[in-house]
Amino acid sequence: MAIVFVSPKQRQKIFFLGITILFLLVLSVIGTIVFFSKPKAVLVEQAFIKPQIEINFEVLDLEQVKGSLFMERVQKEFSYSAATDKGEQKTGSVFASTTEEAKKILEDIGLILVSLEEIEMGRENPFTPYYTLTK
């Protein structure tokens, strides 16, 4: 029987220590090559050249811009219940920017307003399907 002076656990530790040292040595060599290398010259065609941009704000003072129409306010949908001069009940919806504007529109067409409510856009649960299956 041979006399072994180094135990198997000790050999395993030495093996893993050697692999770790070798890995760190390779990593440090690659790191020094990458970090201490000089960058290569870039061709002029490949380099980004920032253009000089000048904004002419005098355009905003022109009469054509001053006289242009701006976009209207977003109109909301209102549900109404109203009565006519003859006493008939009418319900429907009207589009206006504000509740005052909706009231004015209804008064202009001769309706006596009973109730006016803004209709909320969208659905409560957007993931429910639009169709319902019936059996």
Protein backbone atom coordinates (compact mmCIF):
# COMPACT_ATOMS: atom_id res chain seq x y z
CA MET A 1 0.00 0.00 0.00
CA ALA A 2 1.31 3.40 -0.98
CA ILE A 3 1.82 6.14 1.52
CA VAL A 4 -0.19 9.23 0.54
CA PHE A 5 0.82 12.45 2.21
CA VAL A 6 -1.94 14.62 0.60
CA SER A 7 -5.54 13.77 1.34
CA PRO A 8 -8.16 13.70 -1.45
CA LYS A 9 -9.92 16.76 0.04
CA GLN A 10 -6.68 18.69 0.01
CA ARG A 11 -6.06 17.73 -3.64
CA GLN A 12 -9.59 18.87 -4.51
CA LYS A 13 -9.01 22.24 -2.82
CA ILE A 14 -5.72 22.68 -4.67
CA PHE A 15 -7.40 21.79 -7.98
CA PHE A 16 -10.22 24.32 -7.52
CA LEU A 17 -7.76 26.95 -6.28
CA GLY A 18 -5.62 26.40 -9.39
CA ILE A 19 -8.67 26.70 -11.71
CA THR A 20 -9.77 29.90 -9.93
CA ILE A 21 -6.30 31.45 -10.16
CA LEU A 22 -6.06 30.51 -13.85
CA PHE A 23 -9.51 32.03 -14.52
CA LEU A 24 -8.60 35.28 -12.70
CA LEU A 25 -5.28 35.45 -14.58
CA VAL A 26 -7.01 35.07 -17.97
CA LEU A 27 -9.65 37.62 -16.96
CA SER A 28 -7.02 40.15 -15.86
CA VAL A 29 -5.03 39.71 -19.11
CA ILE A 30 -8.17 40.25 -21.21
CA GLY A 31 -9.15 43.25 -19.05
CA THR A 32 -5.77 44.93 -19.43
CA ILE A 33 -5.84 44.39 -23.19
CA VAL A 34 -9.34 45.86 -23.49
CA PHE A 35 -8.98 48.80 -21.09
CA PHE A 36 -5.51 49.93 -22.10
CA SER A 37 -5.92 49.62 -25.86
CA LYS A 38 -6.27 52.83 -27.85
CA PRO A 39 -9.45 53.36 -29.87
CA LYS A 40 -9.20 53.08 -33.62
CA ALA A 41 -9.69 56.14 -35.80
CA VAL A 42 -13.24 56.50 -37.14
CA LEU A 43 -13.87 57.40 -40.75
CA VAL A 44 -15.49 60.77 -41.36
CA GLU A 45 -18.38 59.09 -43.22
CA GLN A 46 -19.22 56.98 -40.17
CA ALA A 47 -18.92 59.74 -37.56
CA PHE A 48 -22.01 61.68 -36.48
CA ILE A 49 -21.67 65.36 -37.19
CA LYS A 50 -24.15 67.42 -35.23
CA PRO A 51 -25.93 69.83 -37.57
CA GLN A 52 -26.25 73.49 -36.68
CA ILE A 53 -29.98 74.20 -36.33
CA GLU A 54 -31.37 77.70 -36.21
CA ILE A 55 -35.04 78.31 -35.42
CA ASN A 56 -36.67 81.38 -36.91
CA PHE A 57 -39.22 82.55 -34.32
CA GLU A 58 -40.14 85.56 -36.45
CA VAL A 59 -42.47 83.24 -38.37
CA LEU A 60 -44.87 83.33 -35.41
CA ASP A 61 -45.34 87.09 -35.93
CA LEU A 62 -46.60 86.71 -39.52
CA GLU A 63 -50.24 87.61 -40.27
CA GLN A 64 -50.86 84.17 -41.81
CA VAL A 65 -50.00 82.49 -38.51
CA LYS A 66 -51.89 85.00 -36.37
CA GLY A 67 -55.04 84.56 -38.46
CA SER A 68 -54.97 80.77 -38.46
CA LEU A 69 -57.67 78.82 -36.69
CA PHE A 70 -56.70 76.73 -33.74
CA MET A 71 -58.13 73.33 -33.03
CA GLU A 72 -61.46 73.32 -31.23
CA ARG A 73 -61.82 72.00 -27.72
CA VAL A 74 -62.64 68.33 -27.45
CA GLN A 75 -66.37 67.86 -27.36
CA LYS A 76 -68.03 65.63 -24.79
CA GLU A 77 -71.24 63.69 -25.22
CA PHE A 78 -74.15 64.59 -22.97
CA SER A 79 -77.31 62.57 -22.47
CA TYR A 80 -80.43 64.68 -22.02
CA SER A 81 -84.05 64.31 -21.12
CA ALA A 82 -86.17 67.27 -22.14
CA ALA A 83 -89.73 68.35 -22.81
CA THR A 84 -91.09 70.27 -25.77
CA ASP A 85 -93.47 73.23 -25.65
CA LYS A 86 -96.34 70.78 -26.36
CA GLY A 87 -95.42 68.61 -23.36
CA GLU A 88 -93.77 65.72 -25.26
CA GLN A 89 -90.81 63.99 -23.61
CA LYS A 90 -87.64 63.65 -25.68
CA THR A 91 -84.40 61.92 -24.82
CA GLY A 92 -81.16 61.81 -26.73
CA SER A 93 -77.59 62.93 -26.75
CA VAL A 94 -75.83 66.10 -27.76
CA PHE A 95 -72.16 66.95 -28.30
CA ALA A 96 -70.73 70.08 -26.65
CA SER A 97 -67.57 71.28 -24.91
CA THR A 98 -69.25 72.26 -21.63
CA THR A 99 -72.58 71.69 -19.90
CA GLU A 100 -73.53 75.35 -20.42
CA GLU A 101 -72.96 74.99 -24.14
CA ALA A 102 -75.07 71.80 -24.21
CA LYS A 103 -77.89 73.58 -22.36
CA LYS A 104 -77.72 76.46 -24.85
CA ILE A 105 -77.89 74.08 -27.81
CA LEU A 106 -80.98 72.39 -26.38
CA GLU A 107 -82.65 75.71 -25.61
CA ASP A 108 -81.93 76.95 -29.14
CA ILE A 109 -83.88 74.03 -30.64
CA GLY A 110 -86.83 74.75 -28.34
CA LEU A 111 -86.46 72.10 -25.64
CA ILE A 112 -87.09 72.64 -21.95
CA LEU A 113 -84.30 70.80 -20.15
CA VAL A 114 -85.25 68.25 -17.49
CA SER A 115 -81.91 66.50 -16.93
CA LEU A 116 -78.46 66.62 -18.48
CA GLU A 117 -75.66 64.13 -17.73
CA GLU A 118 -72.19 63.73 -19.22
CA ILE A 119 -71.63 60.30 -20.76
CA GLU A 120 -68.35 58.77 -19.65
CA MET A 121 -66.14 57.61 -22.49
CA GLY A 122 -64.87 54.07 -22.70
CA ARG A 123 -66.01 50.98 -20.87
CA GLU A 124 -65.77 50.02 -17.24
CA ASN A 125 -63.86 46.84 -18.07
CA PRO A 126 -62.02 47.07 -21.42
CA PHE A 127 -61.29 43.34 -21.46
CA THR A 128 -64.91 42.18 -21.72
CA PRO A 129 -65.88 41.18 -25.24
CA TYR A 130 -68.31 43.31 -27.29
CA TYR A 131 -70.41 40.31 -28.19
CA THR A 132 -72.38 38.02 -25.95
CA LEU A 133 -72.92 34.37 -26.72
CA THR A 134 -76.43 33.04 -26.44
CA LYS A 135 -77.35 29.37 -26.36
